[in-house]
Amino acid sequence: MKMVGLVLAGLVLLSLSGCEAPPRFDICKYRGNSSSENFCVVSYVYLMAHPEQFEGRDVEFRAWARVASDATLFFPTREAMDDGESVSSMVAYGEAVASDLIEREGIARVLVRGRFYLSEGKVHPLDAERLGVIQNAVILP
């Protein structure tokens, strides 16, 4: 009788240990030389598919970029940029980012680095339909 109880207790413990959630997979490839400058290098498509995972994180990605007045708009593809597809786009404000692009005739495929925030219309009315806002954006050479 004791043996049956021990076997049942063992089976219960084994089944409970099998119910743990798998460890969370981190898609990021990290770049940076210090803990204060550690960027998650990720594809635009993955960022677009899982934006909530990158809220408030420093990211680096490739995108098509276009200057629009005092903002720089980022798109996943050239076609999305040409069509003005705002739902998949991101925005960065500041003349420094725009000036880097103006030297490249206002449109280019670039490597972008900055802090990603879901827009949810919080920052500027222009951002309401956009995927997110990149703060402290830098276009890398």
N, C-alpha and C. Protein backbone atom coordinates (compact mmCIF):
# COMPACT_ATOMS: atom_id res chain seq x y z
N MET A 1 0.81 -1.18 0.00
CA MET A 1 0.00 0.00 0.00
C MET A 1 0.86 1.26 0.00
N LYS A 2 1.92 1.25 0.85
CA LYS A 2 2.81 2.42 0.89
C LYS A 2 3.49 2.61 -0.46
N MET A 3 3.81 1.50 -1.11
CA MET A 3 4.49 1.58 -2.40
C MET A 3 3.59 2.23 -3.45
N VAL A 4 2.32 1.90 -3.44
CA VAL A 4 1.37 2.47 -4.39
C VAL A 4 1.24 3.97 -4.14
N GLY A 5 1.21 4.38 -2.89
CA GLY A 5 1.13 5.81 -2.55
C GLY A 5 2.37 6.56 -3.02
N LEU A 6 3.54 5.95 -2.83
CA LEU A 6 4.79 6.59 -3.28
C LEU A 6 4.84 6.71 -4.80
N VAL A 7 4.39 5.68 -5.48
CA VAL A 7 4.38 5.71 -6.94
C VAL A 7 3.41 6.79 -7.43
N LEU A 8 2.23 6.88 -6.83
CA LEU A 8 1.27 7.92 -7.21
C LEU A 8 1.82 9.31 -6.93
N ALA A 9 2.45 9.50 -5.78
CA ALA A 9 3.04 10.80 -5.45
C ALA A 9 4.13 11.15 -6.45
N GLY A 10 4.94 10.16 -6.83
CA GLY A 10 5.99 10.39 -7.82
C GLY A 10 5.43 10.78 -9.18
N LEU A 11 4.36 10.09 -9.59
CA LEU A 11 3.73 10.42 -10.87
C LEU A 11 3.13 11.82 -10.86
N VAL A 12 2.53 12.22 -9.75
CA VAL A 12 1.97 13.56 -9.65
C VAL A 12 3.07 14.61 -9.75
N LEU A 13 4.18 14.38 -9.05
CA LEU A 13 5.31 15.33 -9.12
C LEU A 13 5.88 15.41 -10.53
N LEU A 14 6.00 14.27 -11.19
CA LEU A 14 6.52 14.28 -12.57
C LEU A 14 5.57 15.02 -13.51
N SER A 15 4.28 14.82 -13.36
CA SER A 15 3.34 15.49 -14.24
C SER A 15 3.31 17.00 -13.99
N LEU A 16 3.44 17.40 -12.73
CA LEU A 16 3.47 18.83 -12.42
C LEU A 16 4.72 19.50 -12.96
N SER A 17 5.84 18.82 -12.91
CA SER A 17 7.08 19.42 -13.41
C SER A 17 7.04 19.56 -14.93
N GLY A 18 6.24 18.74 -15.60
CA GLY A 18 6.10 18.83 -17.05
C GLY A 18 5.20 19.97 -17.50
N CYS A 19 4.53 20.63 -16.55
CA CYS A 19 3.59 21.71 -16.89
C CYS A 19 4.24 23.09 -16.90
N GLU A 20 5.52 23.15 -16.64
CA GLU A 20 6.19 24.46 -16.64
C GLU A 20 6.18 25.05 -18.03
N ALA A 21 6.08 26.35 -18.10
CA ALA A 21 6.15 27.03 -19.39
C ALA A 21 7.59 26.97 -19.90
N PRO A 22 7.75 26.81 -21.19
CA PRO A 22 9.12 26.80 -21.73
C PRO A 22 9.77 28.16 -21.51
N PRO A 23 11.09 28.18 -21.42
CA PRO A 23 11.76 29.48 -21.23
C PRO A 23 11.47 30.40 -22.41
N ARG A 24 11.36 31.68 -22.14
CA ARG A 24 11.04 32.66 -23.18
C ARG A 24 12.24 32.83 -24.11
N PHE A 25 12.00 32.72 -25.39
CA PHE A 25 13.05 32.84 -26.39
C PHE A 25 13.28 34.31 -26.70
N ASP A 26 14.52 34.73 -26.65
CA ASP A 26 14.86 36.12 -26.94
C ASP A 26 15.40 36.19 -28.36
N ILE A 27 14.66 36.84 -29.23
CA ILE A 27 15.01 36.94 -30.65
C ILE A 27 16.18 37.88 -30.90
N CYS A 28 16.49 38.73 -29.94
CA CYS A 28 17.48 39.79 -30.13
C CYS A 28 18.90 39.24 -30.30
N LYS A 29 19.61 39.91 -31.16
CA LYS A 29 21.07 39.79 -31.23
C LYS A 29 21.55 41.12 -30.66
N TYR A 30 22.29 41.07 -29.58
CA TYR A 30 22.63 42.31 -28.89
C TYR A 30 23.91 42.92 -29.44
N ARG A 31 23.90 44.27 -29.52
CA ARG A 31 25.06 45.02 -29.98
C ARG A 31 25.26 46.18 -29.03
N GLY A 32 26.49 46.40 -28.65
CA GLY A 32 26.81 47.50 -27.75
C GLY A 32 27.96 47.12 -26.85
N ASN A 33 28.66 48.12 -26.33
CA ASN A 33 29.85 47.86 -25.53
C ASN A 33 29.64 47.99 -24.03
N SER A 34 28.46 48.41 -23.62
CA SER A 34 28.22 48.57 -22.19
C SER A 34 26.76 48.25 -21.89
N SER A 35 26.46 48.07 -20.62
CA SER A 35 25.07 47.75 -20.26
C SER A 35 24.14 48.94 -20.51
N SER A 36 24.69 50.16 -20.51
CA SER A 36 23.86 51.33 -20.77
C SER A 36 23.62 51.52 -22.27
N GLU A 37 24.40 50.88 -23.09
CA GLU A 37 24.24 50.96 -24.55
C GLU A 37 24.21 49.55 -25.09
N ASN A 38 23.04 48.92 -24.98
CA ASN A 38 22.87 47.54 -25.41
C ASN A 38 21.63 47.48 -26.29
N PHE A 39 21.81 47.39 -27.60
CA PHE A 39 20.71 47.46 -28.55
C PHE A 39 20.30 46.07 -29.02
N CYS A 40 19.01 45.88 -29.12
CA CYS A 40 18.44 44.64 -29.64
C CYS A 40 18.37 44.77 -31.16
N VAL A 41 19.19 44.01 -31.86
CA VAL A 41 19.16 44.02 -33.32
C VAL A 41 18.11 43.01 -33.75
N VAL A 42 17.09 43.51 -34.44
CA VAL A 42 15.94 42.69 -34.80
C VAL A 42 15.47 43.10 -36.19
N SER A 43 14.78 42.21 -36.87
CA SER A 43 14.27 42.57 -38.20
C SER A 43 13.02 43.44 -38.05
N TYR A 44 12.79 44.28 -39.02
CA TYR A 44 11.61 45.14 -39.02
C TYR A 44 10.35 44.28 -38.96
N VAL A 45 10.34 43.18 -39.71
CA VAL A 45 9.16 42.33 -39.78
C VAL A 45 8.84 41.73 -38.41
N TYR A 46 9.86 41.28 -37.67
CA TYR A 46 9.62 40.72 -36.35
C TYR A 46 9.15 41.81 -35.39
N LEU A 47 9.74 42.97 -35.48
CA LEU A 47 9.31 44.10 -34.65
C LEU A 47 7.86 44.46 -34.95
N MET A 48 7.49 44.41 -36.22
CA MET A 48 6.13 44.72 -36.62
C MET A 48 5.15 43.64 -36.14
N ALA A 49 5.59 42.38 -36.12
CA ALA A 49 4.72 41.28 -35.71
C ALA A 49 4.53 41.21 -34.20
N HIS A 50 5.52 41.66 -33.43
CA HIS A 50 5.47 41.56 -31.96
C HIS A 50 5.87 42.88 -31.30
N PRO A 51 5.22 43.98 -31.61
CA PRO A 51 5.68 45.27 -31.11
C PRO A 51 5.63 45.39 -29.58
N GLU A 52 4.70 44.70 -28.94
CA GLU A 52 4.59 44.81 -27.48
C GLU A 52 5.83 44.26 -26.77
N GLN A 53 6.57 43.35 -27.40
CA GLN A 53 7.78 42.80 -26.79
C GLN A 53 8.92 43.82 -26.76
N PHE A 54 8.81 44.87 -27.56
CA PHE A 54 9.91 45.83 -27.67
C PHE A 54 9.58 47.19 -27.08
N GLU A 55 8.44 47.32 -26.44
CA GLU A 55 8.01 48.58 -25.82
C GLU A 55 9.08 49.08 -24.85
N GLY A 56 9.60 50.28 -25.10
CA GLY A 56 10.59 50.89 -24.22
C GLY A 56 11.99 50.31 -24.33
N ARG A 57 12.25 49.50 -25.34
CA ARG A 57 13.57 48.88 -25.50
C ARG A 57 14.36 49.58 -26.60
N ASP A 58 15.68 49.54 -26.46
CA ASP A 58 16.57 50.06 -27.49
C ASP A 58 16.68 49.01 -28.59
N VAL A 59 16.35 49.42 -29.81
CA VAL A 59 16.35 48.49 -30.94
C VAL A 59 17.19 49.04 -32.09
N GLU A 60 17.56 48.13 -32.96
CA GLU A 60 18.29 48.49 -34.18
C GLU A 60 17.71 47.62 -35.29
N PHE A 61 17.36 48.23 -36.41
CA PHE A 61 16.74 47.50 -37.51
C PHE A 61 16.99 48.23 -38.83
N ARG A 62 16.80 47.51 -39.93
CA ARG A 62 16.90 48.10 -41.26
C ARG A 62 15.51 48.49 -41.74
N ALA A 63 15.43 49.63 -42.41
CA ALA A 63 14.14 50.10 -42.90
C ALA A 63 14.34 51.03 -44.08
N TRP A 64 13.28 51.23 -44.83
CA TRP A 64 13.25 52.28 -45.83
C TRP A 64 12.81 53.54 -45.12
N ALA A 65 13.47 54.64 -45.39
CA ALA A 65 13.17 55.88 -44.68
C ALA A 65 12.89 57.00 -45.66
N ARG A 66 11.99 57.90 -45.22
CA ARG A 66 11.63 59.07 -46.03
C ARG A 66 11.41 60.25 -45.09
N VAL A 67 11.86 61.42 -45.50
CA VAL A 67 11.68 62.64 -44.72
C VAL A 67 10.30 63.22 -45.03
N ALA A 68 9.57 63.58 -43.97
CA ALA A 68 8.27 64.23 -44.12
C ALA A 68 8.23 65.40 -43.15
N SER A 69 8.48 66.60 -43.63
CA SER A 69 8.59 67.84 -42.84
C SER A 69 9.59 67.65 -41.70
N ASP A 70 9.16 67.72 -40.44
CA ASP A 70 10.10 67.62 -39.33
C ASP A 70 10.22 66.19 -38.80
N ALA A 71 9.67 65.21 -39.52
CA ALA A 71 9.69 63.82 -39.08
C ALA A 71 10.36 62.95 -40.13
N THR A 72 10.85 61.81 -39.67
CA THR A 72 11.38 60.79 -40.57
C THR A 72 10.50 59.57 -40.41
N LEU A 73 10.01 59.05 -41.52
CA LEU A 73 9.13 57.89 -41.50
C LEU A 73 9.91 56.66 -41.93
N PHE A 74 9.68 55.54 -41.24
CA PHE A 74 10.35 54.27 -41.54
C PHE A 74 9.32 53.25 -41.99
N PHE A 75 9.66 52.48 -43.02
CA PHE A 75 8.75 51.49 -43.60
C PHE A 75 9.49 50.16 -43.78
N PRO A 76 8.75 49.04 -43.77
CA PRO A 76 9.41 47.74 -43.93
C PRO A 76 9.91 47.48 -45.35
N THR A 77 9.22 48.02 -46.37
CA THR A 77 9.60 47.79 -47.77
C THR A 77 9.50 49.08 -48.56
N ARG A 78 10.12 49.08 -49.70
CA ARG A 78 10.05 50.23 -50.60
C ARG A 78 8.61 50.45 -51.08
N GLU A 79 7.91 49.35 -51.35
CA GLU A 79 6.53 49.44 -51.81
C GLU A 79 5.63 50.07 -50.74
N ALA A 80 5.82 49.67 -49.48
CA ALA A 80 5.03 50.26 -48.39
C ALA A 80 5.31 51.75 -48.28
N MET A 81 6.56 52.13 -48.50
CA MET A 81 6.92 53.55 -48.45
C MET A 81 6.28 54.30 -49.62
N ASP A 82 6.38 53.75 -50.83
CA ASP A 82 5.81 54.40 -52.00
C ASP A 82 4.29 54.55 -51.89
N ASP A 83 3.65 53.57 -51.24
CA ASP A 83 2.18 53.61 -51.08
C ASP A 83 1.75 54.44 -49.87
N GLY A 84 2.71 54.87 -49.05
CA GLY A 84 2.37 55.64 -47.86
C GLY A 84 1.60 54.83 -46.84
N GLU A 85 1.93 53.56 -46.71
CA GLU A 85 1.24 52.64 -45.81
C GLU A 85 1.57 52.97 -44.35
N SER A 86 0.71 53.72 -43.72
CA SER A 86 1.01 54.22 -42.38
C SER A 86 0.92 53.16 -41.30
N VAL A 87 0.10 52.13 -41.45
CA VAL A 87 -0.11 51.14 -40.40
C VAL A 87 1.18 50.38 -40.08
N SER A 88 2.02 50.12 -41.06
CA SER A 88 3.26 49.39 -40.81
C SER A 88 4.45 50.32 -40.63
N SER A 89 4.21 51.60 -40.56
CA SER A 89 5.33 52.55 -40.47
C SER A 89 5.62 52.97 -39.04
N MET A 90 6.82 53.52 -38.86
CA MET A 90 7.23 54.11 -37.59
C MET A 90 7.71 55.52 -37.88
N VAL A 91 7.78 56.34 -36.86
CA VAL A 91 8.17 57.73 -37.04
C VAL A 91 9.23 58.11 -36.02
N ALA A 92 10.12 58.99 -36.43
CA ALA A 92 11.11 59.59 -35.53
C ALA A 92 11.09 61.09 -35.78
N TYR A 93 11.12 61.85 -34.70
CA TYR A 93 11.09 63.31 -34.81
C TYR A 93 12.48 63.87 -34.58
N GLY A 94 12.75 65.00 -35.19
CA GLY A 94 14.02 65.68 -35.00
C GLY A 94 14.71 65.96 -36.30
N GLU A 95 15.30 67.13 -36.37
CA GLU A 95 15.97 67.54 -37.60
C GLU A 95 17.26 66.78 -37.83
N ALA A 96 17.89 66.28 -36.77
CA ALA A 96 19.16 65.57 -36.93
C ALA A 96 18.96 64.30 -37.76
N VAL A 97 17.90 63.56 -37.48
CA VAL A 97 17.62 62.35 -38.25
C VAL A 97 17.29 62.70 -39.69
N ALA A 98 16.45 63.72 -39.86
CA ALA A 98 16.05 64.13 -41.21
C ALA A 98 17.24 64.64 -42.02
N SER A 99 18.15 65.36 -41.37
CA SER A 99 19.29 65.91 -42.11
C SER A 99 20.20 64.80 -42.65
N ASP A 100 20.32 63.69 -41.90
CA ASP A 100 21.09 62.55 -42.41
C ASP A 100 20.48 62.01 -43.70
N LEU A 101 19.16 62.00 -43.77
CA LEU A 101 18.49 61.50 -44.96
C LEU A 101 18.49 62.50 -46.11
N ILE A 102 18.39 63.77 -45.79
CA ILE A 102 18.37 64.80 -46.84
C ILE A 102 19.66 64.72 -47.66
N GLU A 103 20.76 64.39 -46.99
CA GLU A 103 22.03 64.22 -47.72
C GLU A 103 21.94 63.05 -48.69
N ARG A 104 21.05 62.11 -48.44
CA ARG A 104 20.86 60.95 -49.31
C ARG A 104 19.64 61.13 -50.21
N GLU A 105 19.28 62.35 -50.51
CA GLU A 105 18.17 62.71 -51.38
C GLU A 105 16.79 62.41 -50.77
N GLY A 106 16.71 62.32 -49.46
CA GLY A 106 15.42 62.20 -48.78
C GLY A 106 14.83 60.81 -48.67
N ILE A 107 15.34 59.84 -49.42
CA ILE A 107 14.83 58.46 -49.38
C ILE A 107 16.02 57.52 -49.42
N ALA A 108 16.01 56.51 -48.52
CA ALA A 108 17.11 55.54 -48.52
C ALA A 108 16.75 54.33 -47.67
N ARG A 109 17.43 53.23 -47.90
CA ARG A 109 17.35 52.07 -47.01
C ARG A 109 18.45 52.29 -45.98
N VAL A 110 18.08 52.29 -44.71
CA VAL A 110 19.01 52.68 -43.66
C VAL A 110 19.00 51.70 -42.49
N LEU A 111 20.01 51.83 -41.66
CA LEU A 111 20.09 51.12 -40.39
C LEU A 111 19.73 52.12 -39.30
N VAL A 112 18.66 51.85 -38.56
CA VAL A 112 18.11 52.77 -37.57
C VAL A 112 18.37 52.23 -36.18
N ARG A 113 18.69 53.12 -35.27
CA ARG A 113 18.88 52.75 -33.87
C ARG A 113 18.14 53.75 -33.00
N GLY A 114 17.40 53.27 -32.01
CA GLY A 114 16.68 54.15 -31.09
C GLY A 114 15.81 53.37 -30.14
N ARG A 115 15.04 54.07 -29.33
CA ARG A 115 14.15 53.44 -28.36
C ARG A 115 12.74 53.38 -28.94
N PHE A 116 12.18 52.16 -28.97
CA PHE A 116 10.87 51.93 -29.57
C PHE A 116 9.75 52.09 -28.56
N TYR A 117 8.70 52.80 -28.97
CA TYR A 117 7.49 52.92 -28.17
C TYR A 117 6.29 52.70 -29.07
N LEU A 118 5.32 51.93 -28.59
CA LEU A 118 4.06 51.82 -29.32
C LEU A 118 3.43 53.19 -29.36
N SER A 119 2.92 53.59 -30.50
CA SER A 119 2.42 54.95 -30.61
C SER A 119 1.09 55.11 -29.90
N GLU A 120 0.12 54.29 -30.19
CA GLU A 120 -1.20 54.36 -29.59
C GLU A 120 -1.73 55.79 -29.51
N GLY A 121 -1.28 56.66 -30.42
CA GLY A 121 -1.76 58.02 -30.48
C GLY A 121 -1.32 58.90 -29.33
N LYS A 122 -0.37 58.44 -28.50
CA LYS A 122 0.02 59.19 -27.30
C LYS A 122 0.95 60.35 -27.59
N VAL A 123 1.77 60.24 -28.59
CA VAL A 123 2.83 61.21 -28.79
C VAL A 123 2.38 62.39 -29.65
N HIS A 124 1.74 62.12 -30.74
CA HIS A 124 1.40 63.16 -31.71
C HIS A 124 0.24 62.62 -32.54
N PRO A 125 -0.69 63.44 -32.96
CA PRO A 125 -1.80 62.94 -33.77
C PRO A 125 -1.33 62.23 -35.05
N LEU A 126 -0.17 62.61 -35.58
CA LEU A 126 0.37 61.96 -36.77
C LEU A 126 0.69 60.50 -36.51
N ASP A 127 0.90 60.13 -35.23
CA ASP A 127 1.32 58.77 -34.88
C ASP A 127 0.16 57.81 -34.66
N ALA A 128 -1.05 58.29 -34.68
CA ALA A 128 -2.20 57.46 -34.30
C ALA A 128 -2.28 56.16 -35.09
N GLU A 129 -2.02 56.19 -36.37
CA GLU A 129 -2.12 54.98 -37.19
C GLU A 129 -0.80 54.23 -37.28
N ARG A 130 0.25 54.79 -36.82
CA ARG A 130 1.57 54.18 -36.99
C ARG A 130 1.81 53.08 -35.97
N LEU A 131 2.71 52.18 -36.35
CA LEU A 131 3.09 51.07 -35.47
C LEU A 131 3.77 51.58 -34.21
N GLY A 132 4.65 52.56 -34.36
CA GLY A 132 5.37 53.05 -33.20
C GLY A 132 6.18 54.29 -33.47
N VAL A 133 6.83 54.74 -32.42
CA VAL A 133 7.68 55.93 -32.45
C VAL A 133 9.08 55.50 -32.03
N ILE A 134 10.08 55.99 -32.75
CA ILE A 134 11.46 55.73 -32.38
C ILE A 134 12.01 57.01 -31.76
N GLN A 135 12.33 56.97 -30.49
CA GLN A 135 12.89 58.14 -29.81
C GLN A 135 14.40 58.03 -29.80
N ASN A 136 15.05 59.20 -29.80
CA ASN A 136 16.52 59.28 -29.85
C ASN A 136 17.06 58.50 -31.05
N ALA A 137 16.38 58.61 -32.16
CA ALA A 137 16.76 57.85 -33.36
C ALA A 137 18.07 58.35 -33.94
N VAL A 138 18.85 57.39 -34.42
CA VAL A 138 20.11 57.68 -35.11
C VAL A 138 20.14 56.79 -36.35
N ILE A 139 20.52 57.38 -37.47
CA ILE A 139 20.72 56.61 -38.68
C ILE A 139 22.21 56.31 -38.77
N LEU A 140 22.53 55.04 -38.78
CA LEU A 140 23.92 54.60 -38.77
C LEU A 140 24.47 54.54 -40.19
N PRO A 141 25.77 54.74 -40.33
CA PRO A 141 26.37 54.70 -41.68
C PRO A 141 26.36 53.30 -42.26
